[in-house]
Amino acid sequence: MLDAEEASLRARLLAILPGAATGGSELFLNSTNSPKTTARYSHEEADDLFASARRCMELRASLGLDAEGGVADHFLIACREAASGDAHRRGPRKLAEWLLTKITS
């Protein structure tokens, strides 16, 4: 189950991230981790991707596997940064570029 979920998440992100990197879509904001006023501008798949990443993390934890550094971990890091109040946080394009390098290397 874990392998299938992680493969699905990676494939979906690889399909979406190049467009997010050029177009700046709000892929990392969603109804769970973002204020309601900004979540409505989210990418149409943001909620599903966030849920998939959380499932990956939960499956890894239930199996006693380290989740740090995986696709789901990197995606959730990007989500936290996008939703943070840090004035120096990266925008959606930079986050998409960063995540793309993390999951293709």
PDB file of N, CA and C in Angstrom:
ATOM      1  N   MET A   1       0.810  -1.200   0.000  1.00  0.00           N
ATOM      2  CA  MET A   1       0.000   0.000   0.000  1.00  0.00           C
ATOM      3  C   MET A   1       0.853   1.264   0.000  1.00  0.00           C
ATOM      4  N   LEU A   2       1.884   1.253   0.836  1.00  0.00           N
ATOM      5  CA  LEU A   2       2.760   2.413   0.925  1.00  0.00           C
ATOM      6  C   LEU A   2       3.440   2.685  -0.413  1.00  0.00           C
ATOM      7  N   ASP A   3       3.989   1.658  -1.040  1.00  0.00           N
ATOM      8  CA  ASP A   3       4.667   1.847  -2.328  1.00  0.00           C
ATOM      9  C   ASP A   3       3.722   2.438  -3.365  1.00  0.00           C
ATOM     10  N   ALA A   4       2.505   1.951  -3.410  1.00  0.00           N
ATOM     11  CA  ALA A   4       1.524   2.442  -4.378  1.00  0.00           C
ATOM     12  C   ALA A   4       1.148   3.898  -4.095  1.00  0.00           C
ATOM     13  N   GLU A   5       0.946   4.232  -2.838  1.00  0.00           N
ATOM     14  CA  GLU A   5       0.573   5.609  -2.473  1.00  0.00           C
ATOM     15  C   GLU A   5       1.707   6.577  -2.780  1.00  0.00           C
ATOM     16  N   GLU A   6       2.937   6.195  -2.441  1.00  0.00           N
ATOM     17  CA  GLU A   6       4.073   7.075  -2.715  1.00  0.00           C
ATOM     18  C   GLU A   6       4.308   7.225  -4.220  1.00  0.00           C
ATOM     19  N   ALA A   7       4.161   6.155  -4.959  1.00  0.00           N
ATOM     20  CA  ALA A   7       4.339   6.222  -6.416  1.00  0.00           C
ATOM     21  C   ALA A   7       3.271   7.122  -7.042  1.00  0.00           C
ATOM     22  N   SER A   8       2.051   7.009  -6.561  1.00  0.00           N
ATOM     23  CA  SER A   8       0.965   7.845  -7.066  1.00  0.00           C
ATOM     24  C   SER A   8       1.224   9.314  -6.757  1.00  0.00           C
ATOM     25  N   LEU A   9       1.623   9.601  -5.529  1.00  0.00           N
ATOM     26  CA  LEU A   9       1.910  10.981  -5.131  1.00  0.00           C
ATOM     27  C   LEU A   9       3.032  11.549  -5.986  1.00  0.00           C
ATOM     28  N   ARG A  10       4.110  10.800  -6.152  1.00  0.00           N
ATOM     29  CA  ARG A  10       5.247  11.263  -6.961  1.00  0.00           C
ATOM     30  C   ARG A  10       4.814  11.530  -8.403  1.00  0.00           C
ATOM     31  N   ALA A  11       4.075  10.615  -8.991  1.00  0.00           N
ATOM     32  CA  ALA A  11       3.647  10.771 -10.384  1.00  0.00           C
ATOM     33  C   ALA A  11       2.751  11.994 -10.549  1.00  0.00           C
ATOM     34  N   ARG A  12       1.838  12.178  -9.625  1.00  0.00           N
ATOM     35  CA  ARG A  12       0.935  13.328  -9.709  1.00  0.00           C
ATOM     36  C   ARG A  12       1.709  14.635  -9.562  1.00  0.00           C
ATOM     37  N   LEU A  13       2.648  14.663  -8.619  1.00  0.00           N
ATOM     38  CA  LEU A  13       3.450  15.873  -8.440  1.00  0.00           C
ATOM     39  C   LEU A  13       4.324  16.149  -9.653  1.00  0.00           C
ATOM     40  N   LEU A  14       4.930  15.119 -10.216  1.00  0.00           N
ATOM     41  CA  LEU A  14       5.773  15.308 -11.402  1.00  0.00           C
ATOM     42  C   LEU A  14       4.964  15.847 -12.575  1.00  0.00           C
ATOM     43  N   ALA A  15       3.702  15.507 -12.643  1.00  0.00           N
ATOM     44  CA  ALA A  15       2.844  16.009 -13.713  1.00  0.00           C
ATOM     45  C   ALA A  15       2.427  17.462 -13.480  1.00  0.00           C
ATOM     46  N   ILE A  16       2.286  17.858 -12.227  1.00  0.00           N
ATOM     47  CA  ILE A  16       1.761  19.180 -11.889  1.00  0.00           C
ATOM     48  C   ILE A  16       2.844  20.224 -11.635  1.00  0.00           C
ATOM     49  N   LEU A  17       3.953  19.820 -11.026  1.00  0.00           N
ATOM     50  CA  LEU A  17       4.960  20.791 -10.583  1.00  0.00           C
ATOM     51  C   LEU A  17       5.553  21.662 -11.682  1.00  0.00           C
ATOM     52  N   PRO A  18       5.851  21.142 -12.866  1.00  0.00           N
ATOM     53  CA  PRO A  18       6.411  22.042 -13.884  1.00  0.00           C
ATOM     54  C   PRO A  18       5.480  23.220 -14.201  1.00  0.00           C
ATOM     55  N   GLY A  19       4.201  22.966 -14.302  1.00  0.00           N
ATOM     56  CA  GLY A  19       3.240  24.042 -14.538  1.00  0.00           C
ATOM     57  C   GLY A  19       3.126  24.991 -13.362  1.00  0.00           C
ATOM     58  N   ALA A  20       3.209  24.439 -12.154  1.00  0.00           N
ATOM     59  CA  ALA A  20       3.151  25.282 -10.955  1.00  0.00           C
ATOM     60  C   ALA A  20       4.398  26.157 -10.858  1.00  0.00           C
ATOM     61  N   ALA A  21       5.533  25.637 -11.296  1.00  0.00           N
ATOM     62  CA  ALA A  21       6.774  26.400 -11.255  1.00  0.00           C
ATOM     63  C   ALA A  21       6.750  27.568 -12.235  1.00  0.00           C
ATOM     64  N   THR A  22       6.087  27.404 -13.359  1.00  0.00           N
ATOM     65  CA  THR A  22       6.011  28.499 -14.329  1.00  0.00           C
ATOM     66  C   THR A  22       4.800  29.383 -14.109  1.00  0.00           C
ATOM     67  N   GLY A  23       3.687  28.787 -13.698  1.00  0.00           N
ATOM     68  CA  GLY A  23       2.454  29.552 -13.546  1.00  0.00           C
ATOM     69  C   GLY A  23       2.182  30.064 -12.151  1.00  0.00           C
ATOM     70  N   GLY A  24       2.837  29.490 -11.167  1.00  0.00           N
ATOM     71  CA  GLY A  24       2.666  29.954  -9.795  1.00  0.00           C
ATOM     72  C   GLY A  24       1.362  29.569  -9.132  1.00  0.00           C
ATOM     73  N   SER A  25       0.751  28.465  -9.560  1.00  0.00           N
ATOM     74  CA  SER A  25      -0.509  28.063  -8.932  1.00  0.00           C
ATOM     75  C   SER A  25      -0.286  27.701  -7.467  1.00  0.00           C
ATOM     76  N   GLU A  26      -1.297  27.890  -6.670  1.00  0.00           N
ATOM     77  CA  GLU A  26      -1.223  27.662  -5.226  1.00  0.00           C
ATOM     78  C   GLU A  26      -1.406  26.177  -4.900  1.00  0.00           C
ATOM     79  N   LEU A  27      -0.450  25.391  -5.290  1.00  0.00           N
ATOM     80  CA  LEU A  27      -0.478  23.953  -5.085  1.00  0.00           C
ATOM     81  C   LEU A  27      -0.302  23.575  -3.616  1.00  0.00           C
ATOM     82  N   PHE A  28       0.327  24.434  -2.843  1.00  0.00           N
ATOM     83  CA  PHE A  28       0.695  24.093  -1.471  1.00  0.00           C
ATOM     84  C   PHE A  28      -0.265  24.649  -0.423  1.00  0.00           C
ATOM     85  N   LEU A  29      -1.260  25.377  -0.856  1.00  0.00           N
ATOM     86  CA  LEU A  29      -2.297  25.841   0.056  1.00  0.00           C
ATOM     87  C   LEU A  29      -3.504  24.943  -0.118  1.00  0.00           C
ATOM     88  N   ASN A  30      -4.126  24.584   0.989  1.00  0.00           N
ATOM     89  CA  ASN A  30      -5.281  23.694   0.933  1.00  0.00           C
ATOM     90  C   ASN A  30      -6.207  23.994   2.099  1.00  0.00           C
ATOM     91  N   SER A  31      -7.336  23.338   2.117  1.00  0.00           N
ATOM     92  CA  SER A  31      -8.336  23.631   3.147  1.00  0.00           C
ATOM     93  C   SER A  31      -7.911  23.190   4.546  1.00  0.00           C
ATOM     94  N   THR A  32      -6.894  22.348   4.658  1.00  0.00           N
ATOM     95  CA  THR A  32      -6.438  21.879   5.963  1.00  0.00           C
ATOM     96  C   THR A  32      -5.403  22.804   6.591  1.00  0.00           C
ATOM     97  N   ASN A  33      -4.433  23.245   5.811  1.00  0.00           N
ATOM     98  CA  ASN A  33      -3.328  23.992   6.410  1.00  0.00           C
ATOM     99  C   ASN A  33      -3.327  25.481   6.096  1.00  0.00           C
ATOM    100  N   SER A  34      -4.370  25.984   5.458  1.00  0.00           N
ATOM    101  CA  SER A  34      -4.371  27.377   5.038  1.00  0.00           C
ATOM    102  C   SER A  34      -5.599  28.107   5.554  1.00  0.00           C
ATOM    103  N   PRO A  35      -5.456  29.400   5.739  1.00  0.00           N
ATOM    104  CA  PRO A  35      -6.643  30.182   6.116  1.00  0.00           C
ATOM    105  C   PRO A  35      -7.712  30.047   5.035  1.00  0.00           C
ATOM    106  N   LYS A  36      -8.929  30.020   5.442  1.00  0.00           N
ATOM    107  CA  LYS A  36     -10.035  29.840   4.485  1.00  0.00           C
ATOM    108  C   LYS A  36     -10.026  30.895   3.386  1.00  0.00           C
ATOM    109  N   THR A  37      -9.535  32.067   3.686  1.00  0.00           N
ATOM    110  CA  THR A  37      -9.524  33.126   2.678  1.00  0.00           C
ATOM    111  C   THR A  37      -8.528  32.841   1.562  1.00  0.00           C
ATOM    112  N   THR A  38      -7.455  32.109   1.848  1.00  0.00           N
ATOM    113  CA  THR A  38      -6.476  31.809   0.798  1.00  0.00           C
ATOM    114  C   THR A  38      -6.678  30.429   0.204  1.00  0.00           C
ATOM    115  N   ALA A  39      -7.238  29.514   0.948  1.00  0.00           N
ATOM    116  CA  ALA A  39      -7.406  28.140   0.453  1.00  0.00           C
ATOM    117  C   ALA A  39      -8.309  28.086  -0.771  1.00  0.00           C
ATOM    118  N   ARG A  40      -9.209  29.017  -0.898  1.00  0.00           N
ATOM    119  CA  ARG A  40     -10.121  28.977  -2.053  1.00  0.00           C
ATOM    120  C   ARG A  40      -9.386  29.244  -3.361  1.00  0.00           C
ATOM    121  N   TYR A  41      -8.165  29.786  -3.291  1.00  0.00           N
ATOM    122  CA  TYR A  41      -7.361  30.027  -4.487  1.00  0.00           C
ATOM    123  C   TYR A  41      -6.432  28.863  -4.792  1.00  0.00           C
ATOM    124  N   SER A  42      -6.563  27.801  -4.055  1.00  0.00           N
ATOM    125  CA  SER A  42      -5.696  26.641  -4.199  1.00  0.00           C
ATOM    126  C   SER A  42      -5.887  25.957  -5.541  1.00  0.00           C
ATOM    127  N   HIS A  43      -4.865  25.214  -5.913  1.00  0.00           N
ATOM    128  CA  HIS A  43      -4.920  24.355  -7.090  1.00  0.00           C
ATOM    129  C   HIS A  43      -6.017  23.321  -6.863  1.00  0.00           C
ATOM    130  N   GLU A  44      -6.680  22.900  -7.912  1.00  0.00           N
ATOM    131  CA  GLU A  44      -7.814  21.971  -7.773  1.00  0.00           C
ATOM    132  C   GLU A  44      -7.439  20.637  -7.135  1.00  0.00           C
ATOM    133  N   GLU A  45      -6.173  20.250  -7.212  1.00  0.00           N
ATOM    134  CA  GLU A  45      -5.751  18.982  -6.619  1.00  0.00           C
ATOM    135  C   GLU A  45      -5.042  19.142  -5.279  1.00  0.00           C
ATOM    136  N   ALA A  46      -4.970  20.358  -4.762  1.00  0.00           N
ATOM    137  CA  ALA A  46      -4.216  20.617  -3.533  1.00  0.00           C
ATOM    138  C   ALA A  46      -4.692  19.772  -2.354  1.00  0.00           C
ATOM    139  N   ASP A  47      -5.995  19.686  -2.148  1.00  0.00           N
ATOM    140  CA  ASP A  47      -6.514  18.915  -1.015  1.00  0.00           C
ATOM    141  C   ASP A  47      -6.204  17.425  -1.164  1.00  0.00           C
ATOM    142  N   ASP A  48      -6.374  16.895  -2.354  1.00  0.00           N
ATOM    143  CA  ASP A  48      -6.095  15.470  -2.587  1.00  0.00           C
ATOM    144  C   ASP A  48      -4.612  15.159  -2.410  1.00  0.00           C
ATOM    145  N   LEU A  49      -3.750  16.030  -2.897  1.00  0.00           N
ATOM    146  CA  LEU A  49      -2.310  15.817  -2.745  1.00  0.00           C
ATOM    147  C   LEU A  49      -1.908  15.872  -1.272  1.00  0.00           C
ATOM    148  N   PHE A  50      -2.475  16.824  -0.546  1.00  0.00           N
ATOM    149  CA  PHE A  50      -2.182  16.943   0.882  1.00  0.00           C
ATOM    150  C   PHE A  50      -2.628  15.685   1.619  1.00  0.00           C
ATOM    151  N   ALA A  51      -3.819  15.196   1.308  1.00  0.00           N
ATOM    152  CA  ALA A  51      -4.330  13.974   1.949  1.00  0.00           C
ATOM    153  C   ALA A  51      -3.459  12.775   1.597  1.00  0.00           C
ATOM    154  N   SER A  52      -3.019  12.678   0.368  1.00  0.00           N
ATOM    155  CA  SER A  52      -2.151  11.580  -0.049  1.00  0.00           C
ATOM    156  C   SER A  52      -0.820  11.626   0.695  1.00  0.00           C
ATOM    157  N   ALA A  53      -0.251  12.815   0.821  1.00  0.00           N
ATOM    158  CA  ALA A  53       1.014  12.964   1.548  1.00  0.00           C
ATOM    159  C   ALA A  53       0.854  12.561   3.007  1.00  0.00           C
ATOM    160  N   ARG A  54      -0.241  12.951   3.613  1.00  0.00           N
ATOM    161  CA  ARG A  54      -0.487  12.569   5.009  1.00  0.00           C
ATOM    162  C   ARG A  54      -0.650  11.063   5.142  1.00  0.00           C
ATOM    163  N   ARG A  55      -1.347  10.428   4.168  1.00  0.00           N
ATOM    164  CA  ARG A  55      -1.492   8.964   4.192  1.00  0.00           C
ATOM    165  C   ARG A  55      -0.128   8.290   4.102  1.00  0.00           C
ATOM    166  N   CYS A  56       0.734   8.804   3.238  1.00  0.00           N
ATOM    167  CA  CYS A  56       2.090   8.247   3.121  1.00  0.00           C
ATOM    168  C   CYS A  56       2.829   8.331   4.455  1.00  0.00           C
ATOM    169  N   MET A  57       2.731   9.472   5.105  1.00  0.00           N
ATOM    170  CA  MET A  57       3.409   9.653   6.388  1.00  0.00           C
ATOM    171  C   MET A  57       2.842   8.701   7.444  1.00  0.00           C
ATOM    172  N   GLU A  58       1.521   8.551   7.460  1.00  0.00           N
ATOM    173  CA  GLU A  58       0.893   7.647   8.428  1.00  0.00           C
ATOM    174  C   GLU A  58       1.274   6.194   8.159  1.00  0.00           C
ATOM    175  N   LEU A  59       1.304   5.798   6.902  1.00  0.00           N
ATOM    176  CA  LEU A  59       1.694   4.425   6.562  1.00  0.00           C
ATOM    177  C   LEU A  59       3.141   4.163   6.951  1.00  0.00           C
ATOM    178  N   ARG A  60       4.011   5.132   6.681  1.00  0.00           N
ATOM    179  CA  ARG A  60       5.419   4.970   7.063  1.00  0.00           C
ATOM    180  C   ARG A  60       5.547   4.827   8.586  1.00  0.00           C
ATOM    181  N   ALA A  61       4.834   5.644   9.320  1.00  0.00           N
ATOM    182  CA  ALA A  61       4.886   5.593  10.781  1.00  0.00           C
ATOM    183  C   ALA A  61       4.361   4.255  11.292  1.00  0.00           C
ATOM    184  N   SER A  62       3.281   3.749  10.705  1.00  0.00           N
ATOM    185  CA  SER A  62       2.711   2.479  11.158  1.00  0.00           C
ATOM    186  C   SER A  62       3.649   1.306  10.887  1.00  0.00           C
ATOM    187  N   LEU A  63       4.511   1.468   9.893  1.00  0.00           N
ATOM    188  CA  LEU A  63       5.483   0.422   9.571  1.00  0.00           C
ATOM    189  C   LEU A  63       6.822   0.637  10.268  1.00  0.00           C
ATOM    190  N   GLY A  64       6.920   1.715  11.037  1.00  0.00           N
ATOM    191  CA  GLY A  64       8.165   2.012  11.740  1.00  0.00           C
ATOM    192  C   GLY A  64       9.264   2.515  10.826  1.00  0.00           C
ATOM    193  N   LEU A  65       8.885   3.081   9.674  1.00  0.00           N
ATOM    194  CA  LEU A  65       9.858   3.583   8.703  1.00  0.00           C
ATOM    195  C   LEU A  65      10.067   5.074   8.873  1.00  0.00           C
ATOM    196  N   ASP A  66      11.264   5.522   8.586  1.00  0.00           N
ATOM    197  CA  ASP A  66      11.588   6.942   8.643  1.00  0.00           C
ATOM    198  C   ASP A  66      10.906   7.651   7.480  1.00  0.00           C
ATOM    199  N   ALA A  67      10.255   8.747   7.764  1.00  0.00           N
ATOM    200  CA  ALA A  67       9.538   9.484   6.718  1.00  0.00           C
ATOM    201  C   ALA A  67      10.330  10.689   6.229  1.00  0.00           C
ATOM    202  N   GLU A  68      11.369  11.051   6.947  1.00  0.00           N
ATOM    203  CA  GLU A  68      12.139  12.235   6.603  1.00  0.00           C
ATOM    204  C   GLU A  68      12.826  12.074   5.252  1.00  0.00           C
ATOM    205  N   GLY A  69      12.693  13.092   4.428  1.00  0.00           N
ATOM    206  CA  GLY A  69      13.376  13.101   3.145  1.00  0.00           C
ATOM    207  C   GLY A  69      12.613  12.466   2.003  1.00  0.00           C
ATOM    208  N   GLY A  70      11.440  11.924   2.270  1.00  0.00           N
ATOM    209  CA  GLY A  70      10.645  11.307   1.216  1.00  0.00           C
ATOM    210  C   GLY A  70       9.791  12.332   0.483  1.00  0.00           C
ATOM    211  N   VAL A  71       9.131  11.885  -0.555  1.00  0.00           N
ATOM    212  CA  VAL A  71       8.278  12.758  -1.358  1.00  0.00           C
ATOM    213  C   VAL A  71       7.214  13.425  -0.490  1.00  0.00           C
ATOM    214  N   ALA A  72       6.536  12.655   0.325  1.00  0.00           N
ATOM    215  CA  ALA A  72       5.475  13.199   1.170  1.00  0.00           C
ATOM    216  C   ALA A  72       6.032  14.220   2.157  1.00  0.00           C
ATOM    217  N   ASP A  73       7.162  13.916   2.750  1.00  0.00           N
ATOM    218  CA  ASP A  73       7.786  14.828   3.708  1.00  0.00           C
ATOM    219  C   ASP A  73       8.112  16.159   3.042  1.00  0.00           C
ATOM    220  N   HIS A  74       8.714  16.117   1.880  1.00  0.00           N
ATOM    221  CA  HIS A  74       9.066  17.352   1.166  1.00  0.00           C
ATOM    222  C   HIS A  74       7.814  18.144   0.769  1.00  0.00           C
ATOM    223  N   PHE A  75       6.793  17.447   0.316  1.00  0.00           N
ATOM    224  CA  PHE A  75       5.557  18.136  -0.056  1.00  0.00           C
ATOM    225  C   PHE A  75       4.944  18.827   1.167  1.00  0.00           C
ATOM    226  N   LEU A  76       4.907  18.140   2.293  1.00  0.00           N
ATOM    227  CA  LEU A  76       4.327  18.733   3.505  1.00  0.00           C
ATOM    228  C   LEU A  76       5.171  19.895   4.026  1.00  0.00           C
ATOM    229  N   ILE A  77       6.481  19.822   3.851  1.00  0.00           N
ATOM    230  CA  ILE A  77       7.350  20.954   4.211  1.00  0.00           C
ATOM    231  C   ILE A  77       6.974  22.169   3.371  1.00  0.00           C
ATOM    232  N   ALA A  78       6.769  21.950   2.068  1.00  0.00           N
ATOM    233  CA  ALA A  78       6.377  23.046   1.177  1.00  0.00           C
ATOM    234  C   ALA A  78       5.015  23.614   1.583  1.00  0.00           C
ATOM    235  N   CYS A  79       4.101  22.753   1.965  1.00  0.00           N
ATOM    236  CA  CYS A  79       2.770  23.206   2.406  1.00  0.00           C
ATOM    237  C   CYS A  79       2.874  24.064   3.656  1.00  0.00           C
ATOM    238  N   ARG A  80       3.689  23.624   4.617  1.00  0.00           N
ATOM    239  CA  ARG A  80       3.858  24.405   5.851  1.00  0.00           C
ATOM    240  C   ARG A  80       4.464  25.779   5.550  1.00  0.00           C
ATOM    241  N   GLU A  81       5.458  25.786   4.663  1.00  0.00           N
ATOM    242  CA  GLU A  81       6.084  27.072   4.328  1.00  0.00           C
ATOM    243  C   GLU A  81       5.094  27.997   3.625  1.00  0.00           C
ATOM    244  N   ALA A  82       4.324  27.463   2.702  1.00  0.00           N
ATOM    245  CA  ALA A  82       3.353  28.279   1.964  1.00  0.00           C
ATOM    246  C   ALA A  82       2.318  28.892   2.902  1.00  0.00           C
ATOM    247  N   ALA A  83       1.943  28.171   3.934  1.00  0.00           N
ATOM    248  CA  ALA A  83       0.912  28.639   4.858  1.00  0.00           C
ATOM    249  C   ALA A  83       1.482  29.459   6.020  1.00  0.00           C
ATOM    250  N   SER A  84       2.802  29.545   6.106  1.00  0.00           N
ATOM    251  CA  SER A  84       3.409  30.262   7.228  1.00  0.00           C
ATOM    252  C   SER A  84       3.267  31.771   7.063  1.00  0.00           C
ATOM    253  N   GLY A  85       3.441  32.460   8.138  1.00  0.00           N
ATOM    254  CA  GLY A  85       3.386  33.917   8.118  1.00  0.00           C
ATOM    255  C   GLY A  85       4.750  34.552   7.925  1.00  0.00           C
ATOM    256  N   ASP A  86       5.755  33.754   7.652  1.00  0.00           N
ATOM    257  CA  ASP A  86       7.117  34.243   7.485  1.00  0.00           C
ATOM    258  C   ASP A  86       7.190  35.168   6.265  1.00  0.00           C
ATOM    259  N   ALA A  87       7.644  36.368   6.480  1.00  0.00           N
ATOM    260  CA  ALA A  87       7.742  37.340   5.391  1.00  0.00           C
ATOM    261  C   ALA A  87       8.757  36.913   4.332  1.00  0.00           C
ATOM    262  N   HIS A  88       9.662  36.014   4.682  1.00  0.00           N
ATOM    263  CA  HIS A  88      10.705  35.585   3.755  1.00  0.00           C
ATOM    264  C   HIS A  88      10.445  34.202   3.161  1.00  0.00           C
ATOM    265  N   ARG A  89       9.231  33.709   3.290  1.00  0.00           N
ATOM    266  CA  ARG A  89       8.910  32.397   2.735  1.00  0.00           C
ATOM    267  C   ARG A  89       8.953  32.467   1.206  1.00  0.00           C
ATOM    268  N   ARG A  90       9.210  31.317   0.614  1.00  0.00           N
ATOM    269  CA  ARG A  90       9.213  31.248  -0.848  1.00  0.00           C
ATOM    270  C   ARG A  90       7.776  31.281  -1.361  1.00  0.00           C
ATOM    271  N   GLY A  91       7.615  31.817  -2.526  1.00  0.00           N
ATOM    272  CA  GLY A  91       6.302  31.843  -3.163  1.00  0.00           C
ATOM    273  C   GLY A  91       6.020  30.520  -3.853  1.00  0.00           C
ATOM    274  N   PRO A  92       4.848  30.393  -4.464  1.00  0.00           N
ATOM    275  CA  PRO A  92       4.451  29.123  -5.070  1.00  0.00           C
ATOM    276  C   PRO A  92       5.388  28.642  -6.180  1.00  0.00           C
ATOM    277  N   ARG A  93       5.914  29.553  -6.978  1.00  0.00           N
ATOM    278  CA  ARG A  93       6.843  29.145  -8.046  1.00  0.00           C
ATOM    279  C   ARG A  93       8.132  28.562  -7.469  1.00  0.00           C
ATOM    280  N   LYS A  94       8.705  29.269  -6.521  1.00  0.00           N
ATOM    281  CA  LYS A  94       9.968  28.815  -5.910  1.00  0.00           C
ATOM    282  C   LYS A  94       9.769  27.506  -5.150  1.00  0.00           C
ATOM    283  N   LEU A  95       8.648  27.372  -4.455  1.00  0.00           N
ATOM    284  CA  LEU A  95       8.371  26.121  -3.751  1.00  0.00           C
ATOM    285  C   LEU A  95       8.214  24.968  -4.735  1.00  0.00           C
ATOM    286  N   ALA A  96       7.544  25.211  -5.850  1.00  0.00           N
ATOM    287  CA  ALA A  96       7.370  24.166  -6.855  1.00  0.00           C
ATOM    288  C   ALA A  96       8.724  23.773  -7.455  1.00  0.00           C
ATOM    289  N   GLU A  97       9.572  24.755  -7.739  1.00  0.00           N
ATOM    290  CA  GLU A  97      10.915  24.459  -8.263  1.00  0.00           C
ATOM    291  C   GLU A  97      11.718  23.648  -7.257  1.00  0.00           C
ATOM    292  N   TRP A  98      11.675  24.060  -5.989  1.00  0.00           N
ATOM    293  CA  TRP A  98      12.409  23.352  -4.933  1.00  0.00           C
ATOM    294  C   TRP A  98      11.935  21.904  -4.820  1.00  0.00           C
ATOM    295  N   LEU A  99      10.614  21.731  -4.764  1.00  0.00           N
ATOM    296  CA  LEU A  99      10.070  20.378  -4.610  1.00  0.00           C
ATOM    297  C   LEU A  99      10.412  19.520  -5.823  1.00  0.00           C
ATOM    298  N   LEU A 100      10.369  20.076  -6.996  1.00  0.00           N
ATOM    299  CA  LEU A 100      10.716  19.336  -8.208  1.00  0.00           C
ATOM    300  C   LEU A 100      12.143  18.822  -8.132  1.00  0.00           C
ATOM    301  N   THR A 101      13.067  19.654  -7.663  1.00  0.00           N
ATOM    302  CA  THR A 101      14.455  19.193  -7.541  1.00  0.00           C
ATOM    303  C   THR A 101      14.579  18.095  -6.474  1.00  0.00           C
ATOM    304  N   LYS A 102      13.803  18.208  -5.418  1.00  0.00           N
ATOM    305  CA  LYS A 102      13.868  17.212  -4.337  1.00  0.00           C
ATOM    306  C   LYS A 102      13.346  15.834  -4.774  1.00  0.00           C
ATOM    307  N   ILE A 103      12.296  15.812  -5.578  1.00  0.00           N
ATOM    308  CA  ILE A 103      11.702  14.511  -5.906  1.00  0.00           C
ATOM    309  C   ILE A 103      12.254  13.903  -7.200  1.00  0.00           C
ATOM    310  N   THR A 104      13.108  14.658  -7.907  1.00  0.00           N
ATOM    311  CA  THR A 104      13.711  14.095  -9.115  1.00  0.00           C
ATOM    312  C   THR A 104      15.175  13.754  -8.910  1.00  0.00           C
ATOM    313  N   SER A 105      15.740  14.093  -7.775  1.00  0.00           N
ATOM    314  CA  SER A 105      17.158  13.801  -7.548  1.00  0.00           C
ATOM    315  C   SER A 105      17.369  12.481  -6.837  1.00  0.00           C
TER     316      SER A 105
END
